[in-house]
Amino acid sequence: MQDLVIYKNEIYTLFHKYESGYCEILKTRGYLRVILVHESELHYKDKS
């Protein structure tokens, strides 16, 4: 199961998390685009 995160009020899939605290996230809908952001900018979506 993949973790869903919220970044700038949109839902993304957490693709990879680096030891430095940066994460690669993918858009869950629409075109495929990987974004590199720091974990402090993300909010984890509840798994419900």
PDB file of N, CA and C in Angstrom:
ATOM      1  N   MET A   1       0.846  -1.183   0.000  1.00  0.00           N
ATOM      2  CA  MET A   1       0.000   0.000   0.000  1.00  0.00           C
ATOM      3  C   MET A   1       0.891   1.246   0.000  1.00  0.00           C
ATOM      4  N   GLN A   2       0.527   2.197  -0.819  1.00  0.00           N
ATOM      5  CA  GLN A   2       1.315   3.417  -0.931  1.00  0.00           C
ATOM      6  C   GLN A   2       0.723   4.513  -0.059  1.00  0.00           C
ATOM      7  N   ASP A   3       1.607   5.324   0.484  1.00  0.00           N
ATOM      8  CA  ASP A   3       1.160   6.431   1.327  1.00  0.00           C
ATOM      9  C   ASP A   3       0.671   7.579   0.453  1.00  0.00           C
ATOM     10  N   LEU A   4      -0.452   8.147   0.851  1.00  0.00           N
ATOM     11  CA  LEU A   4      -0.973   9.329   0.185  1.00  0.00           C
ATOM     12  C   LEU A   4      -0.625  10.541   1.023  1.00  0.00           C
ATOM     13  N   VAL A   5      -0.202  11.594   0.351  1.00  0.00           N
ATOM     14  CA  VAL A   5       0.166  12.828   1.036  1.00  0.00           C
ATOM     15  C   VAL A   5      -0.548  13.998   0.380  1.00  0.00           C
ATOM     16  N   ILE A   6      -0.681  15.070   1.146  1.00  0.00           N
ATOM     17  CA  ILE A   6      -1.295  16.292   0.624  1.00  0.00           C
ATOM     18  C   ILE A   6      -0.199  17.344   0.513  1.00  0.00           C
ATOM     19  N   TYR A   7      -0.097  17.923  -0.676  1.00  0.00           N
ATOM     20  CA  TYR A   7       0.883  18.968  -0.955  1.00  0.00           C
ATOM     21  C   TYR A   7       0.171  20.054  -1.758  1.00  0.00           C
ATOM     22  N   LYS A   8       0.165  21.258  -1.233  1.00  0.00           N
ATOM     23  CA  LYS A   8      -0.518  22.396  -1.875  1.00  0.00           C
ATOM     24  C   LYS A   8      -1.977  22.066  -2.185  1.00  0.00           C
ATOM     25  N   ASN A   9      -2.661  21.465  -1.201  1.00  0.00           N
ATOM     26  CA  ASN A   9      -4.086  21.132  -1.276  1.00  0.00           C
ATOM     27  C   ASN A   9      -4.441  20.133  -2.373  1.00  0.00           C
ATOM     28  N   GLU A  10      -3.482  19.338  -2.807  1.00  0.00           N
ATOM     29  CA  GLU A  10      -3.738  18.281  -3.787  1.00  0.00           C
ATOM     30  C   GLU A  10      -3.163  16.980  -3.257  1.00  0.00           C
ATOM     31  N   ILE A  11      -3.758  15.863  -3.668  1.00  0.00           N
ATOM     32  CA  ILE A  11      -3.337  14.552  -3.180  1.00  0.00           C
ATOM     33  C   ILE A  11      -2.293  13.965  -4.128  1.00  0.00           C
ATOM     34  N   TYR A  12      -1.209  13.466  -3.524  1.00  0.00           N
ATOM     35  CA  TYR A  12      -0.118  12.845  -4.261  1.00  0.00           C
ATOM     36  C   TYR A  12       0.199  11.498  -3.635  1.00  0.00           C
ATOM     37  N   THR A  13       0.891  10.657  -4.391  1.00  0.00           N
ATOM     38  CA  THR A  13       1.394   9.391  -3.882  1.00  0.00           C
ATOM     39  C   THR A  13       2.861   9.567  -3.532  1.00  0.00           C
ATOM     40  N   LEU A  14       3.239   9.138  -2.334  1.00  0.00           N
ATOM     41  CA  LEU A  14       4.638   9.202  -1.914  1.00  0.00           C
ATOM     42  C   LEU A  14       5.390   8.100  -2.656  1.00  0.00           C
ATOM     43  N   PHE A  15       6.333   8.487  -3.511  1.00  0.00           N
ATOM     44  CA  PHE A  15       7.061   7.547  -4.357  1.00  0.00           C
ATOM     45  C   PHE A  15       8.354   7.078  -3.696  1.00  0.00           C
ATOM     46  N   HIS A  16       9.116   8.019  -3.152  1.00  0.00           N
ATOM     47  CA  HIS A  16      10.388   7.666  -2.510  1.00  0.00           C
ATOM     48  C   HIS A  16      10.734   8.709  -1.454  1.00  0.00           C
ATOM     49  N   LYS A  17      11.277   8.246  -0.337  1.00  0.00           N
ATOM     50  CA  LYS A  17      11.686   9.142   0.746  1.00  0.00           C
ATOM     51  C   LYS A  17      13.182   8.970   0.981  1.00  0.00           C
ATOM     52  N   TYR A  18      13.926  10.069   0.907  1.00  0.00           N
ATOM     53  CA  TYR A  18      15.371  10.049   1.095  1.00  0.00           C
ATOM     54  C   TYR A  18      15.727  10.316   2.565  1.00  0.00           C
ATOM     55  N   GLU A  19      16.912   9.880   2.970  1.00  0.00           N
ATOM     56  CA  GLU A  19      17.370  10.102   4.346  1.00  0.00           C
ATOM     57  C   GLU A  19      17.501  11.587   4.664  1.00  0.00           C
ATOM     58  N   SER A  20      17.698  12.409   3.652  1.00  0.00           N
ATOM     59  CA  SER A  20      17.854  13.856   3.846  1.00  0.00           C
ATOM     60  C   SER A  20      16.542  14.535   4.230  1.00  0.00           C
ATOM     61  N   GLY A  21      15.423  13.802   4.104  1.00  0.00           N
ATOM     62  CA  GLY A  21      14.119  14.379   4.412  1.00  0.00           C
ATOM     63  C   GLY A  21      13.346  14.794   3.175  1.00  0.00           C
ATOM     64  N   TYR A  22      13.992  14.714   2.020  1.00  0.00           N
ATOM     65  CA  TYR A  22      13.289  15.034   0.773  1.00  0.00           C
ATOM     66  C   TYR A  22      12.532  13.820   0.272  1.00  0.00           C
ATOM     67  N   CYS A  23      11.430  14.087  -0.426  1.00  0.00           N
ATOM     68  CA  CYS A  23      10.573  13.024  -0.925  1.00  0.00           C
ATOM     69  C   CYS A  23      10.242  13.270  -2.387  1.00  0.00           C
ATOM     70  N   GLU A  24      10.100  12.178  -3.130  1.00  0.00           N
ATOM     71  CA  GLU A  24       9.582  12.257  -4.488  1.00  0.00           C
ATOM     72  C   GLU A  24       8.102  11.899  -4.394  1.00  0.00           C
ATOM     73  N   ILE A  25       7.257  12.761  -4.923  1.00  0.00           N
ATOM     74  CA  ILE A  25       5.821  12.499  -4.905  1.00  0.00           C
ATOM     75  C   ILE A  25       5.295  12.502  -6.340  1.00  0.00           C
ATOM     76  N   LEU A  26       4.220  11.730  -6.557  1.00  0.00           N
ATOM     77  CA  LEU A  26       3.586  11.614  -7.864  1.00  0.00           C
ATOM     78  C   LEU A  26       2.147  12.084  -7.782  1.00  0.00           C
ATOM     79  N   LYS A  27       1.689  12.752  -8.798  1.00  0.00           N
ATOM     80  CA  LYS A  27       0.295  13.167  -8.899  1.00  0.00           C
ATOM     81  C   LYS A  27      -0.573  11.916  -8.978  1.00  0.00           C
ATOM     82  N   THR A  28      -1.657  11.861  -8.225  1.00  0.00           N
ATOM     83  CA  THR A  28      -2.495  10.663  -8.209  1.00  0.00           C
ATOM     84  C   THR A  28      -3.448  10.609  -9.399  1.00  0.00           C
ATOM     85  N   ARG A  29      -3.741  11.752  -9.974  1.00  0.00           N
ATOM     86  CA  ARG A  29      -4.629  11.801 -11.142  1.00  0.00           C
ATOM     87  C   ARG A  29      -4.021  12.730 -12.187  1.00  0.00           C
ATOM     88  N   GLY A  30      -4.375  12.482 -13.428  1.00  0.00           N
ATOM     89  CA  GLY A  30      -3.858  13.349 -14.492  1.00  0.00           C
ATOM     90  C   GLY A  30      -2.518  12.852 -15.000  1.00  0.00           C
ATOM     91  N   TYR A  31      -1.727  13.748 -15.507  1.00  0.00           N
ATOM     92  CA  TYR A  31      -0.445  13.394 -16.104  1.00  0.00           C
ATOM     93  C   TYR A  31       0.567  12.964 -15.041  1.00  0.00           C
ATOM     94  N   LEU A  32       1.535  12.162 -15.463  1.00  0.00           N
ATOM     95  CA  LEU A  32       2.549  11.658 -14.546  1.00  0.00           C
ATOM     96  C   LEU A  32       3.679  12.672 -14.421  1.00  0.00           C
ATOM     97  N   ARG A  33       3.908  13.124 -13.210  1.00  0.00           N
ATOM     98  CA  ARG A  33       4.969  14.099 -12.946  1.00  0.00           C
ATOM     99  C   ARG A  33       5.508  13.852 -11.552  1.00  0.00           C
ATOM    100  N   VAL A  34       6.822  13.740 -11.444  1.00  0.00           N
ATOM    101  CA  VAL A  34       7.473  13.544 -10.152  1.00  0.00           C
ATOM    102  C   VAL A  34       7.916  14.902  -9.634  1.00  0.00           C
ATOM    103  N   ILE A  35       7.626  15.173  -8.366  1.00  0.00           N
ATOM    104  CA  ILE A  35       8.000  16.438  -7.735  1.00  0.00           C
ATOM    105  C   ILE A  35       8.869  16.111  -6.524  1.00  0.00           C
ATOM    106  N   LEU A  36       9.960  16.851  -6.368  1.00  0.00           N
ATOM    107  CA  LEU A  36      10.845  16.682  -5.220  1.00  0.00           C
ATOM    108  C   LEU A  36      10.530  17.770  -4.205  1.00  0.00           C
ATOM    109  N   VAL A  37      10.098  17.361  -3.004  1.00  0.00           N
ATOM    110  CA  VAL A  37       9.747  18.315  -1.949  1.00  0.00           C
ATOM    111  C   VAL A  37      10.307  17.816  -0.619  1.00  0.00           C
ATOM    112  N   HIS A  38      10.425  18.717   0.331  1.00  0.00           N
ATOM    113  CA  HIS A  38      10.867  18.311   1.664  1.00  0.00           C
ATOM    114  C   HIS A  38       9.666  17.787   2.443  1.00  0.00           C
ATOM    115  N   GLU A  39       9.907  16.789   3.257  1.00  0.00           N
ATOM    116  CA  GLU A  39       8.823  16.147   4.019  1.00  0.00           C
ATOM    117  C   GLU A  39       8.070  17.138   4.901  1.00  0.00           C
ATOM    118  N   SER A  40       8.737  18.195   5.335  1.00  0.00           N
ATOM    119  CA  SER A  40       8.080  19.191   6.188  1.00  0.00           C
ATOM    120  C   SER A  40       6.960  19.926   5.454  1.00  0.00           C
ATOM    121  N   GLU A  41       6.937  19.859   4.125  1.00  0.00           N
ATOM    122  CA  GLU A  41       5.896  20.519   3.331  1.00  0.00           C
ATOM    123  C   GLU A  41       4.694  19.613   3.080  1.00  0.00           C
ATOM    124  N   LEU A  42       4.780  18.357   3.536  1.00  0.00           N
ATOM    125  CA  LEU A  42       3.730  17.367   3.266  1.00  0.00           C
ATOM    126  C   LEU A  42       2.874  17.107   4.497  1.00  0.00           C
ATOM    127  N   HIS A  43       1.647  16.733   4.239  1.00  0.00           N
ATOM    128  CA  HIS A  43       0.741  16.252   5.278  1.00  0.00           C
ATOM    129  C   HIS A  43       0.285  14.873   4.845  1.00  0.00           C
ATOM    130  N   TYR A  44       0.365  13.901   5.754  1.00  0.00           N
ATOM    131  CA  TYR A  44      -0.044  12.537   5.423  1.00  0.00           C
ATOM    132  C   TYR A  44      -1.557  12.415   5.492  1.00  0.00           C
ATOM    133  N   LYS A  45      -2.136  11.799   4.456  1.00  0.00           N
ATOM    134  CA  LYS A  45      -3.582  11.600   4.399  1.00  0.00           C
ATOM    135  C   LYS A  45      -3.934  10.378   5.238  1.00  0.00           C
ATOM    136  N   ASP A  46      -5.041  10.453   5.977  1.00  0.00           N
ATOM    137  CA  ASP A  46      -5.507   9.321   6.786  1.00  0.00           C
ATOM    138  C   ASP A  46      -5.793   8.126   5.890  1.00  0.00           C
ATOM    139  N   LYS A  47      -5.478   6.940   6.408  1.00  0.00           N
ATOM    140  CA  LYS A  47      -5.710   5.706   5.643  1.00  0.00           C
ATOM    141  C   LYS A  47      -7.098   5.160   5.933  1.00  0.00           C
ATOM    142  N   SER A  48      -8.121   5.893   5.535  1.00  0.00           N
ATOM    143  CA  SER A  48      -9.485   5.424   5.776  1.00  0.00           C
ATOM    144  C   SER A  48     -10.255   5.313   4.494  1.00  0.00           C
TER     145      SER A  48
END
